[in-house]
Protein backbone atom coordinates (compact mmCIF):
# COMPACT_ATOMS: atom_id res chain seq x y z
CA MET A 1 141.12 148.84 123.20
CA THR A 2 139.07 147.52 120.29
CA HIS A 3 138.00 143.96 119.55
CA SER A 4 137.11 142.87 116.04
CA HIS A 5 134.79 140.06 115.05
CA GLY A 6 135.17 140.84 111.36
CA PRO A 7 137.40 139.33 108.67
CA GLY A 8 140.54 140.82 110.14
CA ALA A 9 140.20 138.37 112.99
CA ALA A 10 139.88 135.34 110.72
CA THR A 11 143.53 134.28 110.70
CA GLY A 12 142.85 131.82 113.52
CA HIS A 13 139.89 130.24 111.76
CA ALA A 14 140.20 126.43 112.06
CA GLY A 15 139.36 125.80 108.41
CA ALA A 16 142.25 127.98 107.21
CA ALA A 17 144.80 125.49 108.58
CA HIS A 18 143.39 122.80 106.28
CA ARG A 19 142.94 124.94 103.17
CA TRP A 20 145.45 122.89 101.17
CA ARG A 21 143.51 119.70 101.89
CA LEU A 22 140.34 121.26 100.48
CA ALA A 23 142.21 122.57 97.42
CA VAL A 24 143.64 119.13 96.55
CA ALA A 25 140.24 117.53 97.18
CA VAL A 26 138.52 119.94 94.76
CA VAL A 27 141.05 119.08 92.02
CA LEU A 28 140.83 115.30 92.52
CA ILE A 29 137.03 115.15 92.73
CA GLY A 30 136.61 117.68 89.90
CA VAL A 31 138.84 115.78 87.47
CA PHE A 32 137.22 112.45 88.26
CA PHE A 33 133.73 113.93 87.88
CA VAL A 34 134.52 114.63 84.22
CA VAL A 35 135.93 111.11 83.75
CA GLU A 36 132.91 109.48 85.40
CA LEU A 37 130.39 111.54 83.45
CA ILE A 38 131.99 110.65 80.11
CA ALA A 39 132.22 106.97 81.09
CA GLY A 40 128.58 106.97 82.16
CA LEU A 41 127.41 108.45 78.86
CA LEU A 42 129.52 106.02 76.82
CA SER A 43 128.59 102.91 78.82
CA GLY A 44 124.90 103.77 79.10
CA SER A 45 124.95 103.32 82.88
CA LEU A 46 122.45 105.57 84.65
CA ALA A 47 123.97 104.54 87.98
CA LEU A 48 127.35 105.87 86.83
CA ILE A 49 125.78 109.11 85.58
CA SER A 50 123.94 109.56 88.87
CA ASP A 51 127.18 109.05 90.81
CA ALA A 52 128.86 111.61 88.54
CA GLY A 53 126.09 114.05 89.42
CA HIS A 54 126.73 113.30 93.06
CA MET A 55 130.40 114.11 92.51
CA ALA A 56 129.41 117.41 90.86
CA ALA A 57 127.61 118.33 94.08
CA ASP A 58 130.75 117.34 95.98
CA VAL A 59 132.84 119.71 93.86
CA VAL A 60 130.48 122.59 94.65
CA THR A 61 130.48 121.78 98.36
CA LEU A 62 134.26 121.42 98.54
CA ALA A 63 134.78 124.60 96.51
CA ALA A 64 132.39 126.45 98.82
CA ALA A 65 134.30 125.25 101.86
CA LEU A 66 137.59 126.27 100.26
CA SER A 67 136.25 129.67 99.20
CA ALA A 68 134.92 130.31 102.70
CA THR A 69 138.38 129.87 104.24
CA ILE A 70 139.89 132.25 101.66
CA LEU A 71 137.23 134.97 101.63
CA ALA A 72 136.79 134.97 105.42
CA ALA A 73 140.41 136.07 105.81
CA ARG A 74 140.07 138.97 103.38
CA PRO A 75 139.36 142.42 104.82
CA ASP A 76 136.10 144.06 103.81
CA ARG A 77 137.07 147.14 101.85
CA SER A 78 133.50 148.47 101.68
CA GLY A 79 133.31 148.99 105.43
CA ARG A 80 129.71 147.77 105.39
CA ARG A 81 130.09 144.04 106.06
CA THR A 82 130.59 144.21 109.80
CA PHE A 83 130.53 140.41 110.07
CA GLY A 84 132.95 139.96 107.20
CA ASN A 85 132.26 137.44 104.43
CA TYR A 86 131.49 134.40 106.55
CA ARG A 87 127.90 134.12 105.28
CA LEU A 88 129.13 133.37 101.74
CA GLU A 89 129.61 129.76 102.84
CA VAL A 90 125.91 129.52 103.66
CA PHE A 91 124.86 130.86 100.27
CA ALA A 92 127.26 128.45 98.57
CA SER A 93 125.66 125.62 100.54
CA LEU A 94 122.26 126.74 99.27
CA LEU A 95 123.62 126.49 95.72
CA ALA A 96 124.82 122.96 96.51
CA VAL A 97 121.28 122.09 97.66
CA LEU A 98 119.80 123.27 94.36
CA ILE A 99 122.38 121.32 92.36
CA MET A 100 121.79 118.13 94.35
CA LEU A 101 118.02 118.43 93.93
CA GLY A 102 118.50 118.97 90.20
CA VAL A 103 120.69 115.87 89.95
CA ALA A 104 118.19 113.82 91.96
CA VAL A 105 115.28 114.88 89.75
CA PHE A 106 117.27 114.11 86.58
CA VAL A 107 118.24 110.65 87.83
CA VAL A 108 114.76 109.75 89.07
CA ILE A 109 113.09 110.86 85.83
CA GLY A 110 115.66 108.92 83.81
CA GLY A 111 115.19 105.86 86.00
CA ILE A 112 111.40 105.93 85.73
CA GLY A 113 111.70 106.26 81.96
CA ARG A 114 113.78 103.07 81.85
CA ILE A 115 111.37 100.94 83.87
CA GLY A 116 110.21 97.98 81.75
CA ARG A 117 112.88 98.58 79.08
CA GLU A 118 115.95 96.49 78.42
CA VAL A 119 119.02 98.71 78.11
CA GLU A 120 122.41 97.51 76.91
CA ILE A 121 125.05 98.44 79.46
CA ASP A 122 128.82 98.06 79.02
CA THR A 123 129.81 96.87 82.49
CA GLY A 124 133.56 96.97 81.74
CA PRO A 125 134.02 100.78 81.85
CA MET A 126 131.32 100.97 84.51
CA LEU A 127 133.26 98.67 86.85
CA VAL A 128 136.67 100.24 86.15
CA VAL A 129 135.43 103.79 86.69
CA GLY A 130 133.46 102.73 89.77
CA VAL A 131 136.59 101.24 91.36
CA LEU A 132 138.70 104.28 90.44
CA GLY A 133 136.00 106.56 91.85
CA LEU A 134 136.01 104.62 95.11
CA LEU A 135 139.81 104.97 95.34
CA VAL A 136 139.65 108.72 94.69
CA ASN A 137 136.97 109.14 97.36
CA LEU A 138 138.99 107.11 99.88
CA ILE A 139 142.08 109.25 99.22
CA VAL A 140 140.11 112.46 99.73
CA LEU A 141 138.49 111.06 102.88
CA ARG A 142 141.93 110.26 104.29
CA MET A 143 143.11 113.80 103.52
CA LEU A 144 140.13 115.48 105.13
CA GLN A 145 139.92 113.21 108.16
CA GLY A 146 142.38 115.22 110.28
CA GLY A 147 140.71 118.56 109.58
CA ALA A 148 137.21 117.17 110.19
CA ALA A 149 137.97 116.89 113.90
CA GLU A 150 138.93 120.56 114.14
CA SER A 151 136.70 122.45 111.72
CA LEU A 152 132.97 122.08 111.07
CA ASN A 153 133.58 123.52 107.61
CA VAL A 154 136.02 120.70 106.78
CA LYS A 155 133.78 118.19 108.54
CA GLY A 156 130.89 119.10 106.21
CA ALA A 157 133.13 118.47 103.19
CA TYR A 158 134.30 115.19 104.73
CA LEU A 159 130.73 113.93 105.22
CA GLU A 160 129.84 114.96 101.66
CA VAL A 161 132.66 112.84 100.22
CA LEU A 162 131.80 110.00 102.59
CA ALA A 163 128.29 109.92 101.15
CA ASP A 164 129.70 109.87 97.61
CA THR A 165 131.83 106.88 98.57
CA VAL A 166 128.60 104.99 99.19
CA GLY A 167 127.49 105.88 95.65
CA SER A 168 130.73 104.50 94.20
CA VAL A 169 130.18 101.24 96.06
CA GLY A 170 126.68 101.08 94.56
CA VAL A 171 128.10 101.47 91.03
CA ILE A 172 130.60 98.66 91.62
CA VAL A 173 127.93 96.32 93.01
CA ALA A 174 125.59 97.11 90.09
CA ALA A 175 128.34 96.46 87.51
CA ILE A 176 129.22 93.08 89.05
CA LEU A 177 125.59 91.95 89.34
CA ILE A 178 124.74 93.01 85.78
CA ARG A 179 127.82 91.23 84.40
CA PHE A 180 126.88 87.92 86.04
CA THR A 181 123.08 88.12 85.69
CA GLY A 182 122.58 90.25 82.60
CA ALA A 183 119.72 92.05 84.36
CA SER A 184 119.97 95.69 83.27
CA TRP A 185 117.19 96.71 85.67
CA ILE A 186 119.78 96.53 88.48
CA ASP A 187 121.46 99.62 87.04
CA THR A 188 118.13 101.47 87.11
CA ALA A 189 117.44 100.33 90.68
CA VAL A 190 120.86 101.50 91.89
CA ALA A 191 120.45 104.80 90.06
CA LEU A 192 117.04 105.41 91.69
CA ALA A 193 118.49 104.53 95.10
CA VAL A 194 121.39 106.96 94.62
CA GLY A 195 118.98 109.64 93.36
CA GLY A 196 116.77 109.18 96.41
CA PHE A 197 119.81 109.29 98.67
CA ILE A 198 120.97 112.56 97.09
CA ALA A 199 117.48 114.07 97.48
CA VAL A 200 117.29 113.16 101.17
CA ARG A 201 120.72 114.67 101.82
CA ALA A 202 119.75 117.80 99.89
CA VAL A 203 116.61 118.25 102.00
CA LEU A 204 118.55 117.77 105.25
CA LEU A 205 121.20 120.26 104.13
CA ALA A 206 118.47 122.70 103.03
CA LYS A 207 116.94 122.50 106.50
CA GLU A 208 120.27 123.52 108.05
CA VAL A 209 120.87 126.30 105.53
CA LEU A 210 117.39 127.77 105.97
CA GLY A 211 117.82 127.56 109.73
CA VAL A 212 120.98 129.68 109.49
CA LEU A 213 119.47 132.18 107.04
CA GLY A 214 116.35 132.38 109.22
CA GLN A 215 118.61 133.12 112.22
CA ALA A 216 117.23 130.26 114.27
CA ALA A 217 119.00 129.34 117.51
CA PRO A 218 121.98 127.05 116.85
CA ALA A 219 121.31 123.33 116.95
CA GLY A 220 121.96 121.91 120.39
CA ILE A 221 121.49 125.23 122.18
CA ASP A 222 118.22 125.84 124.06
CA PRO A 223 117.54 129.58 124.46
CA GLY A 224 115.45 128.89 127.57
CA VAL A 225 118.32 127.04 129.23
CA VAL A 226 120.77 129.81 128.33
CA GLN A 227 118.45 132.44 129.80
CA SER A 228 118.03 130.46 133.03
CA GLU A 229 121.80 130.03 133.39
CA LEU A 230 122.40 133.75 132.86
CA GLU A 231 119.71 134.62 135.41
CA ALA A 232 121.47 132.38 137.94
CA ILE A 233 124.71 134.42 137.77
CA ASP A 234 125.37 136.20 141.04
CA GLY A 235 124.38 139.85 140.68
CA VAL A 236 122.01 139.43 137.72
CA ALA A 237 118.55 140.81 138.45
CA ASP A 238 117.02 140.27 135.01
CA VAL A 239 117.85 139.00 131.52
CA HIS A 240 116.20 140.28 128.35
CA ASP A 241 116.80 140.73 124.61
CA LEU A 242 118.62 137.40 124.36
CA HIS A 243 119.38 136.51 120.74
CA LEU A 244 121.23 133.40 119.56
CA TRP A 245 122.05 132.59 115.95
CA THR A 246 124.65 131.01 113.66
CA LEU A 247 126.76 133.23 111.44
CA THR A 248 128.21 130.32 109.48
CA SER A 249 129.36 126.76 110.19
CA GLY A 250 130.90 126.57 113.65
CA MET A 251 130.43 130.27 114.42
CA GLU A 252 127.62 130.88 116.91
CA VAL A 253 126.80 134.42 117.99
CA ALA A 254 124.86 135.85 120.94
CA THR A 255 123.66 139.23 122.17
CA VAL A 256 121.97 139.80 125.52
CA HIS A 257 121.12 142.52 128.04
CA LEU A 258 121.78 141.84 131.73
CA VAL A 259 120.26 143.98 134.47
CA VAL A 260 122.76 144.19 137.35
CA ALA A 261 121.35 144.28 140.88
CA PRO A 262 122.20 147.32 143.07
CA GLY A 263 125.50 147.01 144.90
CA PHE A 264 127.10 144.63 142.38
CA ASP A 265 130.05 145.53 140.17
CA PRO A 266 128.95 144.99 136.52
CA HIS A 267 132.47 144.00 135.43
CA PRO A 268 132.53 140.56 137.16
CA VAL A 269 128.95 139.97 135.98
CA LEU A 270 130.02 140.67 132.39
CA ASP A 271 133.02 138.33 132.67
CA ALA A 272 130.91 135.55 134.22
CA ALA A 273 128.28 135.80 131.45
CA GLN A 274 130.82 135.67 128.64
CA GLU A 275 132.67 132.76 130.26
CA LEU A 276 129.40 130.86 130.68
CA LEU A 277 128.38 131.34 127.04
CA GLU A 278 131.76 130.20 125.75
CA SER A 279 132.51 127.29 128.11
CA ARG A 280 129.02 125.74 128.23
CA HIS A 281 127.67 126.57 124.79
CA GLY A 282 130.71 127.26 122.61
CA ILE A 283 129.64 130.86 121.89
CA ALA A 284 132.89 132.84 121.75
CA HIS A 285 131.39 135.86 119.96
CA ALA A 286 128.95 137.27 122.50
CA THR A 287 127.95 140.88 122.98
CA VAL A 288 126.73 141.38 126.54
CA GLN A 289 125.23 144.69 127.65
CA THR A 290 124.96 145.38 131.38
CA GLU A 291 122.34 147.81 132.68
CA PRO A 292 121.40 149.24 136.10
CA THR A 293 117.95 148.45 137.47
CA ASP A 294 116.72 152.00 136.84
CA HIS A 295 117.50 151.81 133.11
CA HIS A 296 114.29 151.69 131.03
CA GLY A 297 115.56 152.44 127.51
CA CYS A 298 114.95 148.87 126.32
CA LEU A 299 111.24 149.20 127.11
CA GLU A 300 110.95 151.94 124.51
CA ILE A 301 112.00 149.65 121.67
CA GLY A 302 109.01 148.62 119.57
CA TRP A 303 110.29 145.19 118.45
């Protein structure tokens, strides 16, 4: 009997059940990004342009999430990608980080250049587009809400749009304040705030992405605790070569060698270890190697 962890086994992936939600979200956010960018350029509102840049990052993130659910289900015809195409989501997230940082830099530079200058801003289109943007974001949030509880991939897209909703609120507030006060610096202040917000989110996302690419232990899982729990299994004499990492969002992987004490059947030890990793730490894809106490092959490995 064989057991595959590759793309052929991806049909039960949680994100696949919500693929249509992601597809509709990409279309809605993508179309409104174009509308908001044009309105921002015509009205002269830097806050609106910054929110449009935020929406561009949303499109990339949503498209990456959608692509991940599609590509993960496709078989690898090269025969060389033994983990399938799941890592493509991580690389797409890295692209989203670069785009967000680029948008943040553009907005901040533009905002600094406007400090001390009076800029004429047409608050009419700014307010209308801001309200429409808020409505679009709320619709997408409602669509993704159900899938966010089941799939980390969809949850990431949900949180991305939630953050953009905050940007739309900022545009609306800026438009109202400028209309009643005539103070154009409010637009610059909101734009700088949105740019800073985007930069912070980009840095936090980059930290997660680099953690995955660097094969760090998954967040919330302490390797020392896992080792101690495995050592406590009845019949385990020693635990070594424990490796924990994240393949992509919501897919944690583990490999470990267990030395089985003399007189114990390795089969129940294997089952107990796999059940422990899945039930306590959510690691369903675990490769556990059992060894007798007189096995010394692992000591010959140089790394």
